[in-house]
Amino acid sequence: MSFSKLMASLLFLAFVSFSSPLVSAQKALTAYDIIQQYGFPVGILPLGVTGYELDRDTGSFSLFLDQKCKFTIDSYELEYKPTITGVISQGRLSKLKGVSVKILILWLSIVEVVSDGDELGFSVGIASANFPIDSFYESPQCGCGFDCNKVGSLVSAS
C-alpha cells in the first residue's frame, strides 16, 4: 500500500472515530425542551418526567412519570397521573387527561392550558383561571411542590 493511501485510510479512520462520539453526544430533547418549543414554561410539568411520545404532525402526546405525583402550590392541590396525554400546539394544550386540581372538596380534571402573553389559562371545562406565567419558570417537585426546603429543614430539625 502506498504511503498516500495509508495516510488517507488513517485520516478516514480518525475522522470516523472522532465524529461518531460527537454525533452520539448530541443531547436528545427532553419533555421540558419540547414544552418550551410550544411556548410554555417548564414549570407546568413537575420534576421527574421520565419520557414522552410526540406525533409532531397531529400534536398528540403522552408524558410519563415513574408514579403518581401530588403536591400543593398555594391553596391548590395538584395531581399528575403516571401517564398524561393530550394534544399540543403553539400556546395550547388541549384534550388533557391525567392532570387534576382539587378545588374545595372536588377533584377536577384540567382539560386545557393556554399560554397567552404573560398569563397561563387553566380550564377545567366549566371554569377557568389565569395565572402569571412567571409563576411557572421553575418545575415543582412531587410531594412538596416548591416547599421542599421547608420539608427538609423540618425533617432535619426533628
N, C-alpha and C. Protein backbone atom coordinates (compact mmCIF):
# COMPACT_ATOMS: atom_id res chain seq x y z
N MET A 1 0.85 -1.16 0.00
CA MET A 1 0.00 0.00 0.00
C MET A 1 0.90 1.23 0.00
N SER A 2 0.54 2.17 -0.81
CA SER A 2 1.35 3.38 -0.91
C SER A 2 1.14 4.24 0.34
N PHE A 3 2.13 5.10 0.56
CA PHE A 3 2.08 5.99 1.71
C PHE A 3 0.84 6.89 1.68
N SER A 4 0.48 7.42 0.51
CA SER A 4 -0.67 8.33 0.40
C SER A 4 -1.98 7.59 0.68
N LYS A 5 -2.08 6.31 0.24
CA LYS A 5 -3.30 5.54 0.53
C LYS A 5 -3.39 5.21 2.01
N LEU A 6 -2.24 4.90 2.62
CA LEU A 6 -2.19 4.60 4.04
C LEU A 6 -2.61 5.84 4.85
N MET A 7 -2.10 7.00 4.48
CA MET A 7 -2.46 8.24 5.17
C MET A 7 -3.94 8.55 4.99
N ALA A 8 -4.45 8.35 3.79
CA ALA A 8 -5.86 8.60 3.53
C ALA A 8 -6.73 7.68 4.38
N SER A 9 -6.34 6.41 4.49
CA SER A 9 -7.09 5.45 5.31
C SER A 9 -7.04 5.84 6.78
N LEU A 10 -5.87 6.23 7.26
CA LEU A 10 -5.73 6.64 8.66
C LEU A 10 -6.55 7.89 8.95
N LEU A 11 -6.51 8.85 8.03
CA LEU A 11 -7.31 10.07 8.21
C LEU A 11 -8.80 9.74 8.24
N PHE A 12 -9.24 8.86 7.36
CA PHE A 12 -10.65 8.45 7.33
C PHE A 12 -11.04 7.79 8.66
N LEU A 13 -10.21 6.85 9.14
CA LEU A 13 -10.49 6.19 10.42
C LEU A 13 -10.52 7.19 11.57
N ALA A 14 -9.58 8.12 11.56
CA ALA A 14 -9.55 9.14 12.62
C ALA A 14 -10.81 9.99 12.57
N PHE A 15 -11.22 10.38 11.38
CA PHE A 15 -12.44 11.18 11.22
C PHE A 15 -13.66 10.43 11.74
N VAL A 16 -13.80 9.16 11.35
CA VAL A 16 -14.94 8.36 11.79
C VAL A 16 -14.90 8.18 13.31
N SER A 17 -13.72 7.92 13.85
CA SER A 17 -13.59 7.72 15.30
C SER A 17 -13.95 8.96 16.09
N PHE A 18 -13.50 10.12 15.60
CA PHE A 18 -13.76 11.35 16.34
C PHE A 18 -15.13 11.92 16.07
N SER A 19 -15.70 11.69 14.90
CA SER A 19 -17.01 12.27 14.60
C SER A 19 -18.13 11.45 15.22
N SER A 20 -17.97 10.16 15.38
CA SER A 20 -19.03 9.33 15.96
C SER A 20 -19.40 9.76 17.37
N PRO A 21 -18.43 9.97 18.27
CA PRO A 21 -18.81 10.43 19.60
C PRO A 21 -19.52 11.78 19.58
N LEU A 22 -19.14 12.66 18.66
CA LEU A 22 -19.81 13.95 18.59
C LEU A 22 -21.27 13.79 18.21
N VAL A 23 -21.56 12.90 17.29
CA VAL A 23 -22.94 12.66 16.89
C VAL A 23 -23.71 12.05 18.05
N SER A 24 -23.13 11.04 18.70
CA SER A 24 -23.85 10.37 19.78
C SER A 24 -23.93 11.24 21.03
N ALA A 25 -23.05 12.26 21.13
CA ALA A 25 -23.08 13.13 22.31
C ALA A 25 -24.16 14.20 22.21
N GLN A 26 -24.79 14.34 21.03
CA GLN A 26 -25.85 15.33 20.92
C GLN A 26 -26.97 14.97 21.87
N LYS A 27 -27.45 15.95 22.58
CA LYS A 27 -28.46 15.74 23.61
C LYS A 27 -29.84 15.56 22.98
N ALA A 28 -30.51 14.49 23.37
CA ALA A 28 -31.89 14.28 22.93
C ALA A 28 -32.77 15.30 23.65
N LEU A 29 -33.82 15.75 22.99
CA LEU A 29 -34.72 16.72 23.60
C LEU A 29 -35.53 16.06 24.71
N THR A 30 -35.66 16.76 25.81
CA THR A 30 -36.48 16.29 26.92
C THR A 30 -37.91 16.81 26.76
N ALA A 31 -38.81 16.31 27.57
CA ALA A 31 -40.18 16.83 27.57
C ALA A 31 -40.18 18.31 27.92
N TYR A 32 -39.27 18.73 28.78
CA TYR A 32 -39.17 20.13 29.18
C TYR A 32 -38.72 21.00 28.00
N ASP A 33 -37.82 20.47 27.16
CA ASP A 33 -37.40 21.19 25.96
C ASP A 33 -38.57 21.33 24.99
N ILE A 34 -39.31 20.25 24.81
CA ILE A 34 -40.43 20.24 23.86
C ILE A 34 -41.50 21.24 24.31
N ILE A 35 -41.84 21.22 25.59
CA ILE A 35 -42.90 22.10 26.09
C ILE A 35 -42.52 23.56 25.83
N GLN A 36 -41.23 23.89 25.96
CA GLN A 36 -40.77 25.26 25.70
C GLN A 36 -40.85 25.60 24.21
N GLN A 37 -40.61 24.62 23.35
CA GLN A 37 -40.72 24.87 21.90
C GLN A 37 -42.14 25.29 21.51
N TYR A 38 -43.12 24.85 22.30
CA TYR A 38 -44.52 25.17 22.01
C TYR A 38 -45.03 26.39 22.80
N GLY A 39 -44.12 27.10 23.46
CA GLY A 39 -44.49 28.35 24.11
C GLY A 39 -44.92 28.26 25.56
N PHE A 40 -44.54 27.18 26.24
CA PHE A 40 -44.89 27.02 27.65
C PHE A 40 -43.63 27.01 28.51
N PRO A 41 -43.75 27.48 29.74
CA PRO A 41 -42.61 27.39 30.67
C PRO A 41 -42.50 25.97 31.23
N VAL A 42 -41.30 25.58 31.62
CA VAL A 42 -41.07 24.22 32.11
C VAL A 42 -41.88 23.88 33.36
N GLY A 43 -42.23 24.90 34.13
CA GLY A 43 -42.91 24.67 35.41
C GLY A 43 -44.33 24.16 35.33
N ILE A 44 -44.89 24.00 34.13
CA ILE A 44 -46.21 23.36 34.07
C ILE A 44 -46.07 21.85 34.22
N LEU A 45 -44.82 21.37 34.17
CA LEU A 45 -44.54 19.95 34.40
C LEU A 45 -43.76 19.82 35.70
N PRO A 46 -44.09 18.81 36.51
CA PRO A 46 -43.28 18.60 37.71
C PRO A 46 -41.93 17.99 37.34
N LEU A 47 -40.98 18.06 38.25
CA LEU A 47 -39.71 17.38 38.06
C LEU A 47 -40.00 15.87 38.00
N GLY A 48 -39.22 15.17 37.23
CA GLY A 48 -39.35 13.71 37.22
C GLY A 48 -40.02 13.11 36.00
N VAL A 49 -40.27 13.90 34.96
CA VAL A 49 -40.82 13.30 33.73
C VAL A 49 -39.74 12.38 33.18
N THR A 50 -40.09 11.11 32.98
CA THR A 50 -39.10 10.12 32.55
C THR A 50 -39.06 9.91 31.05
N GLY A 51 -40.08 10.37 30.34
CA GLY A 51 -40.08 10.21 28.90
C GLY A 51 -41.35 10.79 28.29
N TYR A 52 -41.39 10.76 26.99
CA TYR A 52 -42.57 11.27 26.28
C TYR A 52 -42.63 10.67 24.89
N GLU A 53 -43.81 10.75 24.30
CA GLU A 53 -44.02 10.41 22.90
C GLU A 53 -44.76 11.60 22.30
N LEU A 54 -44.37 11.98 21.09
CA LEU A 54 -44.99 13.13 20.44
C LEU A 54 -45.12 12.86 18.96
N ASP A 55 -46.32 13.02 18.43
CA ASP A 55 -46.55 12.98 17.00
C ASP A 55 -46.60 14.43 16.55
N ARG A 56 -45.54 14.91 15.95
CA ARG A 56 -45.45 16.33 15.58
C ARG A 56 -46.47 16.71 14.52
N ASP A 57 -46.95 15.74 13.73
CA ASP A 57 -47.96 16.04 12.71
C ASP A 57 -49.32 16.37 13.33
N THR A 58 -49.73 15.59 14.34
CA THR A 58 -51.05 15.79 14.95
C THR A 58 -50.99 16.54 16.26
N GLY A 59 -49.81 16.57 16.90
CA GLY A 59 -49.67 17.20 18.20
C GLY A 59 -50.02 16.27 19.36
N SER A 60 -50.47 15.06 19.06
CA SER A 60 -50.81 14.11 20.13
C SER A 60 -49.55 13.75 20.91
N PHE A 61 -49.67 13.74 22.24
CA PHE A 61 -48.52 13.43 23.06
C PHE A 61 -48.91 12.58 24.26
N SER A 62 -47.92 11.92 24.82
CA SER A 62 -48.01 11.22 26.09
C SER A 62 -46.75 11.57 26.87
N LEU A 63 -46.92 11.88 28.16
CA LEU A 63 -45.79 12.13 29.07
C LEU A 63 -45.81 11.05 30.13
N PHE A 64 -44.65 10.66 30.59
CA PHE A 64 -44.56 9.58 31.56
C PHE A 64 -43.80 10.00 32.81
N LEU A 65 -44.38 9.67 33.96
CA LEU A 65 -43.75 9.83 35.26
C LEU A 65 -43.59 8.43 35.85
N ASP A 66 -42.65 8.25 36.78
CA ASP A 66 -42.47 6.95 37.43
C ASP A 66 -43.69 6.52 38.22
N GLN A 67 -44.37 7.50 38.79
CA GLN A 67 -45.52 7.21 39.64
C GLN A 67 -46.41 8.45 39.69
N LYS A 68 -47.56 8.30 40.33
CA LYS A 68 -48.46 9.44 40.52
C LYS A 68 -47.72 10.52 41.31
N CYS A 69 -48.00 11.76 40.96
CA CYS A 69 -47.29 12.89 41.56
C CYS A 69 -48.32 13.86 42.14
N LYS A 70 -48.23 14.14 43.45
CA LYS A 70 -49.13 15.09 44.10
C LYS A 70 -48.31 16.13 44.86
N PHE A 71 -48.82 17.35 44.85
CA PHE A 71 -48.19 18.43 45.62
C PHE A 71 -49.17 19.57 45.73
N THR A 72 -48.88 20.48 46.65
CA THR A 72 -49.72 21.65 46.85
C THR A 72 -48.92 22.90 46.51
N ILE A 73 -49.57 23.80 45.76
CA ILE A 73 -48.99 25.11 45.46
C ILE A 73 -50.04 26.13 45.86
N ASP A 74 -49.65 27.03 46.74
CA ASP A 74 -50.58 27.99 47.33
C ASP A 74 -51.74 27.19 47.92
N SER A 75 -52.94 27.44 47.49
CA SER A 75 -54.09 26.70 48.06
C SER A 75 -54.57 25.60 47.12
N TYR A 76 -53.83 25.32 46.06
CA TYR A 76 -54.25 24.32 45.08
C TYR A 76 -53.47 23.01 45.26
N GLU A 77 -54.20 21.91 45.38
CA GLU A 77 -53.58 20.60 45.41
C GLU A 77 -53.67 20.05 43.99
N LEU A 78 -52.52 19.61 43.46
CA LEU A 78 -52.45 19.10 42.10
C LEU A 78 -52.06 17.64 42.10
N GLU A 79 -52.54 16.92 41.09
CA GLU A 79 -52.19 15.52 40.95
C GLU A 79 -51.92 15.23 39.47
N TYR A 80 -50.76 14.63 39.21
CA TYR A 80 -50.38 14.18 37.87
C TYR A 80 -50.35 12.66 37.91
N LYS A 81 -51.10 12.02 37.02
CA LYS A 81 -51.07 10.56 36.94
C LYS A 81 -49.77 10.14 36.27
N PRO A 82 -49.41 8.86 36.36
CA PRO A 82 -48.15 8.40 35.74
C PRO A 82 -48.10 8.62 34.22
N THR A 83 -49.26 8.64 33.57
CA THR A 83 -49.31 8.94 32.13
C THR A 83 -50.26 10.11 31.91
N ILE A 84 -49.77 11.11 31.20
CA ILE A 84 -50.56 12.30 30.87
C ILE A 84 -50.64 12.36 29.34
N THR A 85 -51.83 12.55 28.82
CA THR A 85 -51.99 12.61 27.37
C THR A 85 -52.71 13.89 26.97
N GLY A 86 -52.61 14.23 25.70
CA GLY A 86 -53.30 15.40 25.18
C GLY A 86 -52.82 15.74 23.80
N VAL A 87 -53.15 16.95 23.39
CA VAL A 87 -52.74 17.47 22.09
C VAL A 87 -52.07 18.82 22.34
N ILE A 88 -50.88 18.99 21.76
CA ILE A 88 -50.14 20.24 21.93
C ILE A 88 -50.04 20.96 20.59
N SER A 89 -50.22 22.27 20.66
CA SER A 89 -49.98 23.15 19.51
C SER A 89 -49.37 24.42 20.09
N GLN A 90 -48.96 25.32 19.25
CA GLN A 90 -48.30 26.53 19.75
C GLN A 90 -49.22 27.28 20.72
N GLY A 91 -48.80 27.34 22.00
CA GLY A 91 -49.55 28.07 23.02
C GLY A 91 -50.80 27.39 23.54
N ARG A 92 -51.04 26.12 23.18
CA ARG A 92 -52.27 25.45 23.64
C ARG A 92 -52.02 23.97 23.90
N LEU A 93 -52.44 23.54 25.09
CA LEU A 93 -52.52 22.11 25.44
C LEU A 93 -54.00 21.81 25.56
N SER A 94 -54.49 20.88 24.77
CA SER A 94 -55.92 20.56 24.81
C SER A 94 -56.12 19.06 24.96
N LYS A 95 -57.37 18.70 25.24
CA LYS A 95 -57.75 17.29 25.42
C LYS A 95 -56.86 16.59 26.46
N LEU A 96 -56.48 17.37 27.49
CA LEU A 96 -55.61 16.83 28.53
C LEU A 96 -56.32 15.76 29.34
N LYS A 97 -55.58 14.74 29.66
CA LYS A 97 -56.03 13.69 30.57
C LYS A 97 -54.87 13.34 31.48
N GLY A 98 -55.17 13.22 32.77
CA GLY A 98 -54.14 12.82 33.72
C GLY A 98 -53.67 13.90 34.66
N VAL A 99 -54.23 15.10 34.57
CA VAL A 99 -53.85 16.19 35.48
C VAL A 99 -55.12 16.70 36.15
N SER A 100 -55.11 16.74 37.48
CA SER A 100 -56.29 17.18 38.24
C SER A 100 -55.90 18.22 39.27
N VAL A 101 -56.89 19.04 39.64
CA VAL A 101 -56.71 20.04 40.68
C VAL A 101 -57.86 19.89 41.67
N LYS A 102 -57.53 20.03 42.95
CA LYS A 102 -58.56 19.96 43.98
C LYS A 102 -59.02 21.37 44.30
N ILE A 103 -60.32 21.61 44.08
CA ILE A 103 -60.92 22.90 44.39
C ILE A 103 -61.99 22.64 45.44
N LEU A 104 -61.77 23.23 46.62
CA LEU A 104 -62.59 22.96 47.79
C LEU A 104 -62.51 21.47 48.11
N ILE A 105 -63.57 20.70 47.84
CA ILE A 105 -63.54 19.27 48.14
C ILE A 105 -63.60 18.41 46.88
N LEU A 106 -63.65 19.07 45.71
CA LEU A 106 -63.80 18.34 44.45
C LEU A 106 -62.48 18.26 43.68
N TRP A 107 -62.20 17.08 43.12
CA TRP A 107 -61.09 16.92 42.19
C TRP A 107 -61.62 17.13 40.79
N LEU A 108 -61.06 18.09 40.06
CA LEU A 108 -61.49 18.40 38.69
C LEU A 108 -60.32 18.21 37.74
N SER A 109 -60.61 17.65 36.58
CA SER A 109 -59.57 17.45 35.57
C SER A 109 -59.26 18.75 34.85
N ILE A 110 -57.99 19.06 34.74
CA ILE A 110 -57.57 20.19 33.90
C ILE A 110 -57.59 19.68 32.47
N VAL A 111 -58.42 20.29 31.63
CA VAL A 111 -58.60 19.78 30.27
C VAL A 111 -57.88 20.63 29.22
N GLU A 112 -57.49 21.86 29.61
CA GLU A 112 -56.83 22.73 28.64
C GLU A 112 -55.95 23.75 29.36
N VAL A 113 -54.82 24.06 28.74
CA VAL A 113 -53.94 25.12 29.23
C VAL A 113 -53.59 25.99 28.02
N VAL A 114 -53.75 27.30 28.18
CA VAL A 114 -53.46 28.23 27.09
C VAL A 114 -52.42 29.24 27.57
N SER A 115 -51.38 29.41 26.77
CA SER A 115 -50.36 30.41 27.05
C SER A 115 -50.71 31.65 26.24
N ASP A 116 -50.97 32.75 26.96
CA ASP A 116 -51.39 33.98 26.30
C ASP A 116 -50.60 35.14 26.87
N GLY A 117 -49.53 35.47 26.19
CA GLY A 117 -48.69 36.59 26.65
C GLY A 117 -48.02 36.27 27.96
N ASP A 118 -48.34 37.06 28.99
CA ASP A 118 -47.72 36.86 30.29
C ASP A 118 -48.62 36.09 31.26
N GLU A 119 -49.60 35.37 30.72
CA GLU A 119 -50.51 34.56 31.55
C GLU A 119 -50.69 33.16 30.99
N LEU A 120 -50.98 32.24 31.90
CA LEU A 120 -51.39 30.90 31.53
C LEU A 120 -52.83 30.72 32.01
N GLY A 121 -53.68 30.25 31.13
CA GLY A 121 -55.07 29.97 31.49
C GLY A 121 -55.28 28.48 31.62
N PHE A 122 -55.84 28.06 32.75
CA PHE A 122 -56.11 26.65 33.02
C PHE A 122 -57.62 26.46 33.03
N SER A 123 -58.10 25.49 32.26
CA SER A 123 -59.54 25.24 32.18
C SER A 123 -59.86 23.85 32.71
N VAL A 124 -60.93 23.78 33.52
CA VAL A 124 -61.45 22.50 33.99
C VAL A 124 -62.78 22.20 33.29
N GLY A 125 -63.02 22.85 32.19
CA GLY A 125 -64.24 22.64 31.42
C GLY A 125 -65.29 23.69 31.72
N ILE A 126 -65.81 23.67 32.93
CA ILE A 126 -66.87 24.61 33.31
C ILE A 126 -66.34 25.94 33.83
N ALA A 127 -65.06 25.96 34.17
CA ALA A 127 -64.47 27.18 34.73
C ALA A 127 -63.00 27.24 34.32
N SER A 128 -62.45 28.45 34.40
CA SER A 128 -61.02 28.59 34.10
C SER A 128 -60.43 29.65 35.02
N ALA A 129 -59.12 29.62 35.12
CA ALA A 129 -58.41 30.61 35.94
C ALA A 129 -57.10 30.96 35.25
N ASN A 130 -56.71 32.21 35.35
CA ASN A 130 -55.45 32.68 34.77
C ASN A 130 -54.44 32.94 35.86
N PHE A 131 -53.17 32.64 35.56
CA PHE A 131 -52.07 32.84 36.49
C PHE A 131 -50.91 33.47 35.75
N PRO A 132 -50.09 34.28 36.45
CA PRO A 132 -48.91 34.87 35.80
C PRO A 132 -47.95 33.77 35.33
N ILE A 133 -47.47 33.92 34.11
CA ILE A 133 -46.58 32.91 33.54
C ILE A 133 -45.28 32.78 34.32
N ASP A 134 -44.84 33.88 34.96
CA ASP A 134 -43.58 33.81 35.69
C ASP A 134 -43.66 32.94 36.94
N SER A 135 -44.86 32.52 37.33
CA SER A 135 -45.02 31.58 38.44
C SER A 135 -44.66 30.15 38.01
N PHE A 136 -44.39 29.96 36.71
CA PHE A 136 -44.16 28.61 36.18
C PHE A 136 -42.78 28.46 35.55
N TYR A 137 -41.85 29.30 35.94
CA TYR A 137 -40.50 29.20 35.38
C TYR A 137 -39.69 28.09 36.03
N GLU A 138 -40.13 27.61 37.18
CA GLU A 138 -39.46 26.52 37.89
C GLU A 138 -40.43 25.35 38.02
N SER A 139 -39.92 24.13 37.87
CA SER A 139 -40.78 22.95 38.00
C SER A 139 -40.95 22.58 39.47
N PRO A 140 -42.20 22.28 39.87
CA PRO A 140 -42.42 21.81 41.25
C PRO A 140 -41.94 20.37 41.41
N GLN A 141 -41.73 19.97 42.63
CA GLN A 141 -41.27 18.62 42.93
C GLN A 141 -42.43 17.81 43.52
N CYS A 142 -42.56 16.58 43.09
CA CYS A 142 -43.60 15.70 43.62
C CYS A 142 -43.46 15.60 45.13
N GLY A 143 -44.58 15.66 45.81
CA GLY A 143 -44.59 15.54 47.26
C GLY A 143 -44.52 16.86 48.00
N CYS A 144 -43.72 17.81 47.50
CA CYS A 144 -43.54 19.05 48.25
C CYS A 144 -43.70 20.32 47.43
N GLY A 145 -43.93 20.21 46.14
CA GLY A 145 -44.13 21.41 45.32
C GLY A 145 -42.90 22.29 45.31
N PHE A 146 -43.04 23.53 45.82
CA PHE A 146 -41.92 24.46 45.92
C PHE A 146 -41.43 24.60 47.36
N ASP A 147 -42.03 23.86 48.28
CA ASP A 147 -41.68 23.96 49.70
C ASP A 147 -40.76 22.83 50.14
N CYS A 148 -39.97 22.29 49.25
CA CYS A 148 -39.12 21.14 49.57
C CYS A 148 -38.06 21.48 50.61
N ASN A 149 -37.51 22.69 50.58
CA ASN A 149 -36.50 23.08 51.57
C ASN A 149 -37.12 23.15 52.96
N LYS A 150 -38.36 23.63 53.05
CA LYS A 150 -39.04 23.69 54.34
C LYS A 150 -39.26 22.29 54.88
N VAL A 151 -39.67 21.36 54.01
CA VAL A 151 -39.88 19.97 54.42
C VAL A 151 -38.57 19.39 54.90
N GLY A 152 -37.48 19.61 54.14
CA GLY A 152 -36.17 19.10 54.51
C GLY A 152 -35.69 19.67 55.83
N SER A 153 -35.92 20.97 56.06
CA SER A 153 -35.46 21.58 57.31
C SER A 153 -36.29 21.09 58.49
N LEU A 154 -37.58 20.81 58.28
CA LEU A 154 -38.39 20.26 59.36
C LEU A 154 -37.94 18.85 59.72
N VAL A 155 -37.61 18.06 58.70
CA VAL A 155 -37.15 16.69 58.94
C VAL A 155 -35.81 16.71 59.66
N SER A 156 -34.88 17.60 59.24
CA SER A 156 -33.56 17.64 59.86
C SER A 156 -33.64 18.15 61.29
N ALA A 157 -34.61 19.00 61.57
CA ALA A 157 -34.73 19.55 62.93
C ALA A 157 -35.30 18.53 63.90
N SER A 158 -35.99 17.49 63.40
CA SER A 158 -36.59 16.51 64.32
C SER A 158 -35.60 15.57 64.90
